[in-house]
Amino acid sequence: MDPSNPVKILTLMQRLNIAADIGAALDYLHNNCQPTIVHCDLKPGNILLGDDMVAHVGDFGLANILTDPVGEQLINSKSSVGLMGTIGYVAPEYGEGGQISPYGDVYSFGKAPTHDMFSDGLTLQQYAEMAYPELLMNIVDPLLLSIENEWGALNCVMSAVTRLALVCSRRQTDRLCMREVLAEIHTIRASHVEEINKIDSD
């Protein structure tokens, strides 16, 4: 690491705030726009952070406007649309010729970058499920572990965040909608603030 250019590490609270900002943007696209807009390529490279660390969703090049009243659009294998999204983030139903829907964005929201270790059939979901909840701290970002002081609070939040990510990555019919995901993020964040305040007052 270059000492003149130190790595900037996001705190747990900053990460929760970013997740809440992204969730709010997707909730707006899915539930407040008429017709519904599905981003179709949600990934870290399409999230922009402002100077105030507010997250903004960008790059709507693959976005779909759903004109179907049930909020889904069939992917036609003969169309030029093809597979929507980035490998590692794209919802599995899109690869199977399924329907474009807001649940595809929910799947991407629960994912993280692909890694060489995920081979021979091992998936990110399986890796997280194997660690959850007892071994969870073994797979948490080591940079986060280096700056967080309250391990009990961190363990509690990471357990809740991992559980939510696993729910987001389930089969389409078992996923939450983005509004439910956003509500859960707000609950996790509020619980973390309460826990930190309690520790500080002791």
N, C-alpha and C. Protein backbone atom coordinates (compact mmCIF):
# COMPACT_ATOMS: atom_id res chain seq x y z
N MET A 1 0.84 -1.18 0.00
CA MET A 1 0.00 0.00 0.00
C MET A 1 0.89 1.24 0.00
N ASP A 2 0.55 2.21 -0.81
CA ASP A 2 1.29 3.46 -0.93
C ASP A 2 0.91 4.38 0.22
N PRO A 3 1.88 4.71 1.13
CA PRO A 3 1.54 5.56 2.28
C PRO A 3 1.10 6.96 1.88
N SER A 4 1.51 7.43 0.71
CA SER A 4 1.10 8.77 0.27
C SER A 4 -0.32 8.77 -0.28
N ASN A 5 -0.85 7.58 -0.55
CA ASN A 5 -2.21 7.47 -1.07
C ASN A 5 -2.94 6.36 -0.30
N PRO A 6 -3.28 6.63 0.98
CA PRO A 6 -3.88 5.57 1.80
C PRO A 6 -5.25 5.16 1.28
N VAL A 7 -5.58 3.89 1.53
CA VAL A 7 -6.89 3.35 1.14
C VAL A 7 -7.97 3.99 2.01
N LYS A 8 -9.01 4.47 1.38
CA LYS A 8 -10.13 5.03 2.13
C LYS A 8 -11.11 3.90 2.41
N ILE A 9 -11.35 3.66 3.68
CA ILE A 9 -12.21 2.55 4.11
C ILE A 9 -13.56 3.10 4.53
N LEU A 10 -14.61 2.56 3.94
CA LEU A 10 -15.96 2.97 4.32
C LEU A 10 -16.34 2.31 5.64
N THR A 11 -16.88 3.10 6.55
CA THR A 11 -17.35 2.56 7.82
C THR A 11 -18.63 1.76 7.59
N LEU A 12 -19.02 1.02 8.59
CA LEU A 12 -20.25 0.24 8.50
C LEU A 12 -21.45 1.17 8.29
N MET A 13 -21.48 2.29 9.02
CA MET A 13 -22.60 3.22 8.87
C MET A 13 -22.63 3.82 7.47
N GLN A 14 -21.48 4.15 6.91
CA GLN A 14 -21.44 4.66 5.53
C GLN A 14 -21.97 3.62 4.55
N ARG A 15 -21.61 2.37 4.77
CA ARG A 15 -22.07 1.29 3.89
C ARG A 15 -23.58 1.10 4.00
N LEU A 16 -24.10 1.19 5.22
CA LEU A 16 -25.54 1.07 5.40
C LEU A 16 -26.27 2.25 4.75
N ASN A 17 -25.69 3.45 4.86
CA ASN A 17 -26.30 4.63 4.23
C ASN A 17 -26.31 4.50 2.70
N ILE A 18 -25.23 3.97 2.15
CA ILE A 18 -25.15 3.76 0.70
C ILE A 18 -26.20 2.75 0.26
N ALA A 19 -26.33 1.66 1.01
CA ALA A 19 -27.34 0.64 0.68
C ALA A 19 -28.74 1.25 0.74
N ALA A 20 -28.99 2.10 1.74
CA ALA A 20 -30.30 2.74 1.86
C ALA A 20 -30.55 3.69 0.69
N ASP A 21 -29.52 4.43 0.27
CA ASP A 21 -29.67 5.35 -0.87
C ASP A 21 -30.01 4.57 -2.15
N ILE A 22 -29.29 3.47 -2.38
CA ILE A 22 -29.53 2.67 -3.58
C ILE A 22 -30.92 2.05 -3.52
N GLY A 23 -31.28 1.52 -2.34
CA GLY A 23 -32.61 0.94 -2.18
C GLY A 23 -33.71 1.95 -2.43
N ALA A 24 -33.51 3.19 -1.96
CA ALA A 24 -34.51 4.24 -2.16
C ALA A 24 -34.64 4.59 -3.64
N ALA A 25 -33.51 4.63 -4.35
CA ALA A 25 -33.56 4.93 -5.79
C ALA A 25 -34.30 3.84 -6.54
N LEU A 26 -34.02 2.58 -6.23
CA LEU A 26 -34.69 1.47 -6.90
C LEU A 26 -36.17 1.41 -6.53
N ASP A 27 -36.48 1.68 -5.28
CA ASP A 27 -37.88 1.71 -4.86
C ASP A 27 -38.63 2.78 -5.66
N TYR A 28 -38.00 3.92 -5.86
CA TYR A 28 -38.63 4.99 -6.65
C TYR A 28 -38.88 4.52 -8.09
N LEU A 29 -37.86 3.91 -8.71
CA LEU A 29 -38.01 3.44 -10.09
C LEU A 29 -39.09 2.37 -10.21
N HIS A 30 -39.14 1.47 -9.23
CA HIS A 30 -40.07 0.34 -9.30
C HIS A 30 -41.50 0.72 -8.92
N ASN A 31 -41.65 1.65 -7.98
CA ASN A 31 -42.97 1.88 -7.40
C ASN A 31 -43.54 3.28 -7.59
N ASN A 32 -42.71 4.26 -7.93
CA ASN A 32 -43.21 5.62 -8.06
C ASN A 32 -43.21 6.13 -9.50
N CYS A 33 -42.53 5.43 -10.38
CA CYS A 33 -42.53 5.83 -11.79
C CYS A 33 -43.68 5.13 -12.49
N GLN A 34 -44.35 5.85 -13.35
CA GLN A 34 -45.42 5.27 -14.16
C GLN A 34 -45.10 5.51 -15.64
N PRO A 35 -44.78 4.47 -16.39
CA PRO A 35 -44.69 3.06 -16.00
C PRO A 35 -43.41 2.75 -15.22
N THR A 36 -43.36 1.56 -14.67
CA THR A 36 -42.23 1.10 -13.87
C THR A 36 -40.95 1.05 -14.71
N ILE A 37 -39.82 1.42 -14.08
CA ILE A 37 -38.52 1.33 -14.73
C ILE A 37 -37.69 0.27 -13.98
N VAL A 38 -37.10 -0.65 -14.73
CA VAL A 38 -36.20 -1.66 -14.18
C VAL A 38 -34.80 -1.33 -14.69
N HIS A 39 -33.84 -1.20 -13.78
CA HIS A 39 -32.49 -0.77 -14.14
C HIS A 39 -31.77 -1.81 -15.00
N CYS A 40 -31.85 -3.08 -14.62
CA CYS A 40 -31.29 -4.23 -15.37
C CYS A 40 -29.76 -4.35 -15.35
N ASP A 41 -29.04 -3.44 -14.70
CA ASP A 41 -27.58 -3.58 -14.64
C ASP A 41 -27.04 -2.96 -13.35
N LEU A 42 -27.63 -3.31 -12.23
CA LEU A 42 -27.20 -2.77 -10.95
C LEU A 42 -25.92 -3.47 -10.52
N LYS A 43 -24.87 -2.69 -10.32
CA LYS A 43 -23.57 -3.20 -9.88
C LYS A 43 -22.77 -2.03 -9.32
N PRO A 44 -21.69 -2.29 -8.57
CA PRO A 44 -20.93 -1.20 -7.96
C PRO A 44 -20.45 -0.15 -8.97
N GLY A 45 -20.09 -0.57 -10.18
CA GLY A 45 -19.62 0.38 -11.18
C GLY A 45 -20.68 1.36 -11.63
N ASN A 46 -21.94 1.06 -11.36
CA ASN A 46 -23.03 1.96 -11.74
C ASN A 46 -23.59 2.74 -10.55
N ILE A 47 -22.86 2.71 -9.45
CA ILE A 47 -23.23 3.50 -8.27
C ILE A 47 -22.22 4.63 -8.13
N LEU A 48 -22.71 5.86 -8.11
CA LEU A 48 -21.85 7.03 -7.99
C LEU A 48 -21.99 7.62 -6.59
N LEU A 49 -20.86 7.98 -5.98
CA LEU A 49 -20.90 8.58 -4.65
C LEU A 49 -20.57 10.06 -4.77
N GLY A 50 -21.45 10.91 -4.23
CA GLY A 50 -21.20 12.34 -4.22
C GLY A 50 -20.23 12.71 -3.11
N ASP A 51 -19.83 13.98 -3.08
CA ASP A 51 -18.90 14.44 -2.05
C ASP A 51 -19.44 14.20 -0.64
N ASP A 52 -20.75 14.25 -0.50
CA ASP A 52 -21.39 14.03 0.80
C ASP A 52 -21.68 12.56 1.06
N MET A 53 -21.12 11.67 0.24
CA MET A 53 -21.26 10.22 0.35
C MET A 53 -22.70 9.74 0.10
N VAL A 54 -23.51 10.56 -0.57
CA VAL A 54 -24.84 10.11 -0.98
C VAL A 54 -24.66 9.30 -2.26
N ALA A 55 -25.26 8.10 -2.28
CA ALA A 55 -25.13 7.22 -3.44
C ALA A 55 -26.20 7.55 -4.47
N HIS A 56 -25.80 7.52 -5.75
CA HIS A 56 -26.70 7.76 -6.87
C HIS A 56 -26.57 6.59 -7.84
N VAL A 57 -27.71 6.10 -8.33
CA VAL A 57 -27.70 5.02 -9.31
C VAL A 57 -27.53 5.65 -10.69
N GLY A 58 -26.55 5.15 -11.45
CA GLY A 58 -26.28 5.69 -12.78
C GLY A 58 -26.31 4.62 -13.85
N ASP A 59 -26.00 5.01 -15.07
CA ASP A 59 -25.93 4.16 -16.25
C ASP A 59 -27.23 3.39 -16.49
N PHE A 60 -28.15 4.06 -17.16
CA PHE A 60 -29.44 3.46 -17.46
C PHE A 60 -29.49 2.90 -18.89
N GLY A 61 -28.30 2.53 -19.42
CA GLY A 61 -28.23 2.04 -20.79
C GLY A 61 -29.00 0.77 -21.06
N LEU A 62 -29.17 -0.07 -20.05
CA LEU A 62 -29.92 -1.32 -20.22
C LEU A 62 -31.30 -1.27 -19.58
N ALA A 63 -31.64 -0.10 -19.03
CA ALA A 63 -32.93 0.01 -18.32
C ALA A 63 -34.09 -0.32 -19.24
N ASN A 64 -35.15 -0.86 -18.65
CA ASN A 64 -36.37 -1.19 -19.38
C ASN A 64 -37.54 -0.47 -18.75
N ILE A 65 -38.38 0.09 -19.59
CA ILE A 65 -39.64 0.67 -19.14
C ILE A 65 -40.69 -0.40 -19.35
N LEU A 66 -41.34 -0.80 -18.27
CA LEU A 66 -42.31 -1.89 -18.36
C LEU A 66 -43.69 -1.33 -18.66
N THR A 67 -44.16 -1.65 -19.84
CA THR A 67 -45.49 -1.19 -20.23
C THR A 67 -46.56 -2.19 -19.88
N ASP A 68 -46.13 -3.42 -19.54
CA ASP A 68 -47.07 -4.46 -19.12
C ASP A 68 -47.65 -4.08 -17.76
N PRO A 69 -48.96 -4.09 -17.60
CA PRO A 69 -49.56 -3.69 -16.33
C PRO A 69 -49.14 -4.52 -15.13
N VAL A 70 -48.73 -5.79 -15.33
CA VAL A 70 -48.27 -6.58 -14.20
C VAL A 70 -46.79 -6.35 -13.90
N GLY A 71 -46.17 -5.45 -14.65
CA GLY A 71 -44.80 -5.06 -14.35
C GLY A 71 -43.75 -6.05 -14.78
N GLU A 72 -44.04 -6.83 -15.81
CA GLU A 72 -43.06 -7.78 -16.31
C GLU A 72 -43.03 -7.71 -17.82
N GLN A 73 -41.88 -8.06 -18.40
CA GLN A 73 -41.74 -8.05 -19.84
C GLN A 73 -40.98 -9.31 -20.23
N LEU A 74 -41.55 -10.09 -21.12
CA LEU A 74 -40.92 -11.33 -21.55
C LEU A 74 -39.69 -11.02 -22.38
N ILE A 75 -38.59 -11.70 -22.08
CA ILE A 75 -37.38 -11.55 -22.88
C ILE A 75 -37.52 -12.47 -24.09
N ASN A 76 -37.56 -11.88 -25.25
CA ASN A 76 -37.69 -12.63 -26.49
C ASN A 76 -36.30 -13.07 -26.93
N SER A 77 -36.11 -14.37 -27.07
CA SER A 77 -34.79 -14.88 -27.43
C SER A 77 -34.36 -14.43 -28.81
N LYS A 78 -35.30 -13.99 -29.66
CA LYS A 78 -34.95 -13.52 -31.00
C LYS A 78 -34.71 -12.02 -31.03
N SER A 79 -34.95 -11.34 -29.91
CA SER A 79 -34.79 -9.89 -29.91
C SER A 79 -33.33 -9.52 -29.71
N SER A 80 -33.02 -8.25 -29.95
CA SER A 80 -31.65 -7.78 -29.75
C SER A 80 -31.38 -7.48 -28.29
N VAL A 81 -32.41 -7.59 -27.44
CA VAL A 81 -32.23 -7.31 -26.02
C VAL A 81 -31.27 -8.32 -25.41
N GLY A 82 -31.50 -9.61 -25.68
CA GLY A 82 -30.63 -10.66 -25.19
C GLY A 82 -30.54 -10.67 -23.67
N LEU A 83 -29.41 -11.12 -23.15
CA LEU A 83 -29.18 -11.21 -21.72
C LEU A 83 -28.98 -9.82 -21.15
N MET A 84 -29.79 -9.48 -20.13
CA MET A 84 -29.73 -8.15 -19.53
C MET A 84 -28.81 -8.16 -18.32
N GLY A 85 -27.80 -7.28 -18.32
CA GLY A 85 -26.99 -7.09 -17.13
C GLY A 85 -25.58 -7.63 -17.26
N THR A 86 -24.87 -7.58 -16.14
CA THR A 86 -23.46 -7.94 -16.07
C THR A 86 -23.32 -9.30 -15.39
N ILE A 87 -22.45 -10.14 -15.94
CA ILE A 87 -22.21 -11.46 -15.37
C ILE A 87 -21.84 -11.31 -13.89
N GLY A 88 -22.43 -12.13 -13.05
CA GLY A 88 -22.20 -12.05 -11.62
C GLY A 88 -23.28 -11.26 -10.90
N TYR A 89 -24.03 -10.47 -11.65
CA TYR A 89 -25.08 -9.65 -11.06
C TYR A 89 -26.45 -9.93 -11.70
N VAL A 90 -26.43 -10.43 -12.91
CA VAL A 90 -27.69 -10.63 -13.63
C VAL A 90 -28.52 -11.72 -12.97
N ALA A 91 -29.81 -11.47 -12.87
CA ALA A 91 -30.72 -12.44 -12.25
C ALA A 91 -30.77 -13.72 -13.08
N PRO A 92 -30.78 -14.88 -12.44
CA PRO A 92 -30.75 -16.15 -13.19
C PRO A 92 -31.93 -16.32 -14.13
N GLU A 93 -33.08 -15.76 -13.79
CA GLU A 93 -34.25 -15.92 -14.66
C GLU A 93 -34.04 -15.23 -16.01
N TYR A 94 -33.20 -14.20 -16.06
CA TYR A 94 -32.93 -13.53 -17.34
C TYR A 94 -32.16 -14.46 -18.27
N GLY A 95 -31.22 -15.21 -17.71
CA GLY A 95 -30.45 -16.16 -18.51
C GLY A 95 -31.28 -17.33 -19.01
N GLU A 96 -32.40 -17.57 -18.36
CA GLU A 96 -33.29 -18.67 -18.75
C GLU A 96 -34.43 -18.18 -19.63
N GLY A 97 -34.31 -16.94 -20.14
CA GLY A 97 -35.35 -16.41 -21.00
C GLY A 97 -36.58 -15.97 -20.23
N GLY A 98 -36.41 -15.73 -18.94
CA GLY A 98 -37.52 -15.32 -18.08
C GLY A 98 -37.96 -13.90 -18.37
N GLN A 99 -38.67 -13.34 -17.42
CA GLN A 99 -39.25 -12.02 -17.62
C GLN A 99 -38.45 -10.94 -16.91
N ILE A 100 -38.30 -9.80 -17.58
CA ILE A 100 -37.70 -8.64 -16.94
C ILE A 100 -38.70 -8.14 -15.91
N SER A 101 -38.23 -7.94 -14.69
CA SER A 101 -39.12 -7.45 -13.65
C SER A 101 -38.29 -6.73 -12.60
N PRO A 102 -38.92 -5.98 -11.72
CA PRO A 102 -38.19 -5.34 -10.63
C PRO A 102 -37.43 -6.34 -9.75
N TYR A 103 -37.88 -7.60 -9.73
CA TYR A 103 -37.20 -8.60 -8.91
C TYR A 103 -35.79 -8.91 -9.43
N GLY A 104 -35.52 -8.62 -10.69
CA GLY A 104 -34.16 -8.76 -11.22
C GLY A 104 -33.21 -7.77 -10.57
N ASP A 105 -33.69 -6.53 -10.37
CA ASP A 105 -32.88 -5.53 -9.67
C ASP A 105 -32.67 -5.92 -8.21
N VAL A 106 -33.67 -6.54 -7.58
CA VAL A 106 -33.54 -6.99 -6.19
C VAL A 106 -32.44 -8.03 -6.11
N TYR A 107 -32.39 -8.95 -7.08
CA TYR A 107 -31.34 -9.97 -7.10
C TYR A 107 -29.96 -9.32 -7.16
N SER A 108 -29.79 -8.37 -8.07
CA SER A 108 -28.50 -7.69 -8.21
C SER A 108 -28.13 -6.94 -6.94
N PHE A 109 -29.12 -6.40 -6.25
CA PHE A 109 -28.90 -5.67 -5.00
C PHE A 109 -28.31 -6.58 -3.94
N GLY A 110 -28.63 -7.86 -3.98
CA GLY A 110 -28.14 -8.81 -2.97
C GLY A 110 -26.81 -9.45 -3.32
N LYS A 111 -26.24 -9.06 -4.46
CA LYS A 111 -25.03 -9.73 -4.93
C LYS A 111 -23.78 -8.91 -4.65
N ALA A 112 -22.63 -9.56 -4.83
CA ALA A 112 -21.33 -8.91 -4.72
C ALA A 112 -20.48 -9.38 -5.89
N PRO A 113 -19.32 -8.77 -6.12
CA PRO A 113 -18.52 -9.15 -7.29
C PRO A 113 -18.16 -10.62 -7.33
N THR A 114 -17.99 -11.12 -8.54
CA THR A 114 -17.54 -12.51 -8.71
C THR A 114 -16.07 -12.59 -8.30
N HIS A 115 -15.61 -13.76 -7.99
CA HIS A 115 -14.24 -13.97 -7.54
C HIS A 115 -13.79 -15.33 -8.07
N ASP A 116 -12.48 -15.48 -8.27
CA ASP A 116 -11.93 -16.74 -8.78
C ASP A 116 -12.27 -17.93 -7.88
N MET A 117 -12.46 -17.68 -6.60
CA MET A 117 -12.74 -18.78 -5.68
C MET A 117 -14.07 -19.45 -5.96
N PHE A 118 -14.97 -18.74 -6.67
CA PHE A 118 -16.28 -19.31 -6.96
C PHE A 118 -16.21 -20.12 -8.25
N SER A 119 -15.74 -21.34 -8.08
CA SER A 119 -15.60 -22.26 -9.22
C SER A 119 -16.08 -23.64 -8.77
N ASP A 120 -16.11 -24.57 -9.70
CA ASP A 120 -16.54 -25.94 -9.41
C ASP A 120 -17.92 -25.98 -8.76
N GLY A 121 -18.79 -25.09 -9.20
CA GLY A 121 -20.17 -25.10 -8.72
C GLY A 121 -20.41 -24.30 -7.46
N LEU A 122 -19.34 -23.80 -6.78
CA LEU A 122 -19.52 -23.00 -5.58
C LEU A 122 -20.00 -21.60 -5.98
N THR A 123 -21.10 -21.17 -5.39
CA THR A 123 -21.64 -19.84 -5.67
C THR A 123 -21.45 -18.93 -4.46
N LEU A 124 -21.60 -17.65 -4.69
CA LEU A 124 -21.52 -16.68 -3.61
C LEU A 124 -22.57 -16.96 -2.55
N GLN A 125 -23.78 -17.29 -3.00
CA GLN A 125 -24.84 -17.59 -2.05
C GLN A 125 -24.48 -18.79 -1.17
N GLN A 126 -23.96 -19.85 -1.78
CA GLN A 126 -23.58 -21.04 -1.01
C GLN A 126 -22.48 -20.71 0.00
N TYR A 127 -21.53 -19.90 -0.42
CA TYR A 127 -20.41 -19.49 0.44
C TYR A 127 -20.93 -18.74 1.67
N ALA A 128 -21.84 -17.79 1.43
CA ALA A 128 -22.42 -17.01 2.53
C ALA A 128 -23.29 -17.89 3.42
N GLU A 129 -24.07 -18.79 2.80
CA GLU A 129 -24.93 -19.67 3.58
C GLU A 129 -24.12 -20.60 4.47
N MET A 130 -22.96 -21.06 3.99
CA MET A 130 -22.11 -21.95 4.79
C MET A 130 -21.54 -21.21 6.00
N ALA A 131 -21.28 -19.93 5.85
CA ALA A 131 -20.71 -19.14 6.94
C ALA A 131 -21.77 -18.60 7.89
N TYR A 132 -23.00 -18.50 7.41
CA TYR A 132 -24.07 -17.84 8.17
C TYR A 132 -24.72 -18.78 9.16
N PRO A 133 -24.89 -18.41 10.44
CA PRO A 133 -24.40 -17.18 11.06
C PRO A 133 -23.11 -17.36 11.86
N GLU A 134 -22.75 -18.60 12.21
CA GLU A 134 -21.65 -18.82 13.15
C GLU A 134 -20.29 -18.34 12.65
N LEU A 135 -19.99 -18.55 11.37
CA LEU A 135 -18.66 -18.22 10.84
C LEU A 135 -18.67 -16.93 10.02
N LEU A 136 -19.69 -16.14 10.18
CA LEU A 136 -19.88 -14.96 9.35
C LEU A 136 -18.70 -13.98 9.43
N MET A 137 -18.16 -13.78 10.61
CA MET A 137 -17.07 -12.81 10.76
C MET A 137 -15.81 -13.25 10.02
N ASN A 138 -15.74 -14.53 9.64
CA ASN A 138 -14.58 -15.02 8.86
C ASN A 138 -14.63 -14.55 7.41
N ILE A 139 -15.82 -14.14 6.93
CA ILE A 139 -15.93 -13.74 5.52
C ILE A 139 -16.23 -12.25 5.35
N VAL A 140 -16.32 -11.52 6.46
CA VAL A 140 -16.57 -10.07 6.40
C VAL A 140 -15.32 -9.38 5.86
N ASP A 141 -15.52 -8.29 5.13
CA ASP A 141 -14.43 -7.49 4.57
C ASP A 141 -13.40 -7.19 5.66
N PRO A 142 -12.15 -7.66 5.50
CA PRO A 142 -11.14 -7.42 6.54
C PRO A 142 -10.85 -5.94 6.76
N LEU A 143 -11.03 -5.11 5.74
CA LEU A 143 -10.83 -3.67 5.93
C LEU A 143 -11.87 -3.11 6.89
N LEU A 144 -13.09 -3.61 6.81
CA LEU A 144 -14.13 -3.17 7.74
C LEU A 144 -13.78 -3.60 9.16
N LEU A 145 -13.29 -4.82 9.28
CA LEU A 145 -12.90 -5.31 10.61
C LEU A 145 -11.79 -4.47 11.21
N SER A 146 -10.94 -3.88 10.36
CA SER A 146 -9.80 -3.11 10.87
C SER A 146 -10.21 -1.76 11.45
N ILE A 147 -11.41 -1.26 11.13
CA ILE A 147 -11.80 0.08 11.62
C ILE A 147 -12.97 0.06 12.59
N GLU A 148 -13.70 -1.04 12.67
CA GLU A 148 -14.84 -1.10 13.59
C GLU A 148 -14.38 -1.58 14.96
N ASN A 149 -14.78 -0.85 16.00
CA ASN A 149 -14.32 -1.16 17.35
C ASN A 149 -15.26 -2.09 18.11
N GLU A 150 -16.53 -2.01 17.83
CA GLU A 150 -17.52 -2.77 18.59
C GLU A 150 -17.90 -4.05 17.83
N TRP A 151 -17.21 -5.14 18.14
CA TRP A 151 -17.41 -6.38 17.42
C TRP A 151 -18.80 -6.97 17.62
N GLY A 152 -19.35 -6.78 18.81
CA GLY A 152 -20.68 -7.32 19.07
C GLY A 152 -21.71 -6.65 18.17
N ALA A 153 -21.63 -5.33 18.07
CA ALA A 153 -22.55 -4.58 17.21
C ALA A 153 -22.31 -4.93 15.74
N LEU A 154 -21.05 -5.06 15.37
CA LEU A 154 -20.71 -5.39 13.98
C LEU A 154 -21.25 -6.77 13.61
N ASN A 155 -21.07 -7.73 14.49
CA ASN A 155 -21.54 -9.09 14.24
C ASN A 155 -23.06 -9.12 14.06
N CYS A 156 -23.75 -8.38 14.89
CA CYS A 156 -25.22 -8.33 14.83
C CYS A 156 -25.68 -7.73 13.49
N VAL A 157 -25.05 -6.61 13.09
CA VAL A 157 -25.44 -5.95 11.84
C VAL A 157 -25.07 -6.82 10.64
N MET A 158 -23.88 -7.40 10.64
CA MET A 158 -23.46 -8.21 9.51
C MET A 158 -24.35 -9.44 9.36
N SER A 159 -24.82 -9.98 10.47
CA SER A 159 -25.74 -11.11 10.40
C SER A 159 -27.04 -10.69 9.72
N ALA A 160 -27.57 -9.53 10.11
CA ALA A 160 -28.82 -9.04 9.52
C ALA A 160 -28.64 -8.69 8.04
N VAL A 161 -27.51 -8.06 7.70
CA VAL A 161 -27.25 -7.68 6.31
C VAL A 161 -27.07 -8.92 5.44
N THR A 162 -26.35 -9.90 5.93
CA THR A 162 -26.13 -11.13 5.17
C THR A 162 -27.44 -11.88 4.96
N ARG A 163 -28.27 -11.95 6.00
CA ARG A 163 -29.57 -12.60 5.86
C ARG A 163 -30.40 -11.90 4.79
N LEU A 164 -30.38 -10.57 4.79
CA LEU A 164 -31.13 -9.81 3.79
C LEU A 164 -30.58 -10.06 2.39
N ALA A 165 -29.25 -10.07 2.25
CA ALA A 165 -28.64 -10.33 0.94
C ALA A 165 -29.02 -11.72 0.42
N LEU A 166 -29.05 -12.70 1.32
CA LEU A 166 -29.43 -14.05 0.90
C LEU A 166 -30.89 -14.10 0.47
N VAL A 167 -31.74 -13.36 1.15
CA VAL A 167 -33.15 -13.29 0.74
C VAL A 167 -33.28 -12.64 -0.62
N CYS A 168 -32.50 -11.58 -0.86
CA CYS A 168 -32.54 -10.89 -2.16
C CYS A 168 -32.07 -11.79 -3.30
N SER A 169 -31.22 -12.77 -2.98
CA SER A 169 -30.63 -13.63 -4.00
C SER A 169 -31.38 -14.95 -4.20
N ARG A 170 -32.53 -15.09 -3.57
CA ARG A 170 -33.33 -16.31 -3.74
C ARG A 170 -33.95 -16.37 -5.14
N ARG A 171 -34.66 -17.48 -5.37
CA ARG A 171 -35.43 -17.58 -6.62
C ARG A 171 -36.39 -16.41 -6.70
N GLN A 172 -36.74 -16.02 -7.90
CA GLN A 172 -37.57 -14.84 -8.11
C GLN A 172 -38.85 -14.85 -7.27
N THR A 173 -39.50 -15.98 -7.19
CA THR A 173 -40.78 -16.05 -6.48
C THR A 173 -40.62 -15.92 -4.97
N ASP A 174 -39.39 -16.09 -4.46
CA ASP A 174 -39.14 -16.01 -3.02
C ASP A 174 -38.47 -14.71 -2.59
N ARG A 175 -38.21 -13.81 -3.53
CA ARG A 175 -37.55 -12.55 -3.19
C ARG A 175 -38.55 -11.53 -2.64
N LEU A 176 -38.02 -10.64 -1.81
CA LEU A 176 -38.81 -9.49 -1.37
C LEU A 176 -38.89 -8.47 -2.50
N CYS A 177 -39.84 -7.57 -2.44
CA CYS A 177 -39.83 -6.45 -3.38
C CYS A 177 -38.89 -5.39 -2.80
N MET A 178 -38.49 -4.43 -3.63
CA MET A 178 -37.50 -3.45 -3.19
C MET A 178 -38.00 -2.60 -2.03
N ARG A 179 -39.28 -2.33 -1.97
CA ARG A 179 -39.81 -1.54 -0.85
C ARG A 179 -39.62 -2.28 0.47
N GLU A 180 -39.81 -3.60 0.46
CA GLU A 180 -39.58 -4.41 1.66
C GLU A 180 -38.10 -4.46 2.02
N VAL A 181 -37.25 -4.56 1.01
CA VAL A 181 -35.80 -4.57 1.23
C VAL A 181 -35.37 -3.25 1.86
N LEU A 182 -35.86 -2.14 1.32
CA LEU A 182 -35.51 -0.82 1.85
C LEU A 182 -35.96 -0.68 3.30
N ALA A 183 -37.16 -1.14 3.61
CA ALA A 183 -37.65 -1.08 4.99
C ALA A 183 -36.74 -1.87 5.92
N GLU A 184 -36.27 -3.02 5.46
CA GLU A 184 -35.37 -3.85 6.27
C GLU A 184 -34.03 -3.16 6.48
N ILE A 185 -33.51 -2.50 5.46
CA ILE A 185 -32.25 -1.75 5.60
C ILE A 185 -32.41 -0.65 6.63
N HIS A 186 -33.53 0.08 6.57
CA HIS A 186 -33.77 1.14 7.56
C HIS A 186 -33.84 0.56 8.98
N THR A 187 -34.44 -0.60 9.13
CA THR A 187 -34.52 -1.25 10.43
C THR A 187 -33.14 -1.64 10.94
N ILE A 188 -32.33 -2.22 10.05
CA ILE A 188 -30.96 -2.63 10.41
C ILE A 188 -30.14 -1.41 10.81
N ARG A 189 -30.24 -0.35 10.04
CA ARG A 189 -29.46 0.87 10.32
C ARG A 189 -29.89 1.49 11.65
N ALA A 190 -31.20 1.57 11.89
CA ALA A 190 -31.70 2.14 13.15
C ALA A 190 -31.25 1.31 14.34
N SER A 191 -31.27 0.00 14.18
CA SER A 191 -30.83 -0.90 15.25
C SER A 191 -29.34 -0.69 15.54
N HIS A 192 -28.55 -0.50 14.49
CA HIS A 192 -27.11 -0.28 14.66
C HIS A 192 -26.85 1.04 15.39
N VAL A 193 -27.57 2.09 15.01
CA VAL A 193 -27.42 3.39 15.68
C VAL A 193 -27.78 3.26 17.16
N GLU A 194 -28.86 2.57 17.44
CA GLU A 194 -29.30 2.37 18.83
C GLU A 194 -28.25 1.61 19.62
N GLU A 195 -27.68 0.58 19.03
CA GLU A 195 -26.66 -0.23 19.70
C GLU A 195 -25.41 0.59 19.98
N ILE A 196 -24.97 1.38 19.01
CA ILE A 196 -23.79 2.22 19.18
C ILE A 196 -24.03 3.27 20.27
N ASN A 197 -25.21 3.89 20.26
CA ASN A 197 -25.54 4.89 21.28
C ASN A 197 -25.55 4.28 22.68
N LYS A 198 -26.03 3.04 22.77
CA LYS A 198 -26.07 2.35 24.06
C LYS A 198 -24.65 2.06 24.54
N ILE A 199 -23.78 1.64 23.62
CA ILE A 199 -22.39 1.34 23.98
C ILE A 199 -21.69 2.63 24.41
N ASP A 200 -21.93 3.74 23.69
CA ASP A 200 -21.28 5.00 24.01
C ASP A 200 -21.72 5.56 25.36
N SER A 201 -22.97 5.27 25.75
CA SER A 201 -23.48 5.79 27.01
C SER A 201 -23.06 4.97 28.21
N ASP A 202 -22.56 3.75 27.97
CA ASP A 202 -22.11 2.88 29.08
C ASP A 202 -20.74 3.29 29.61
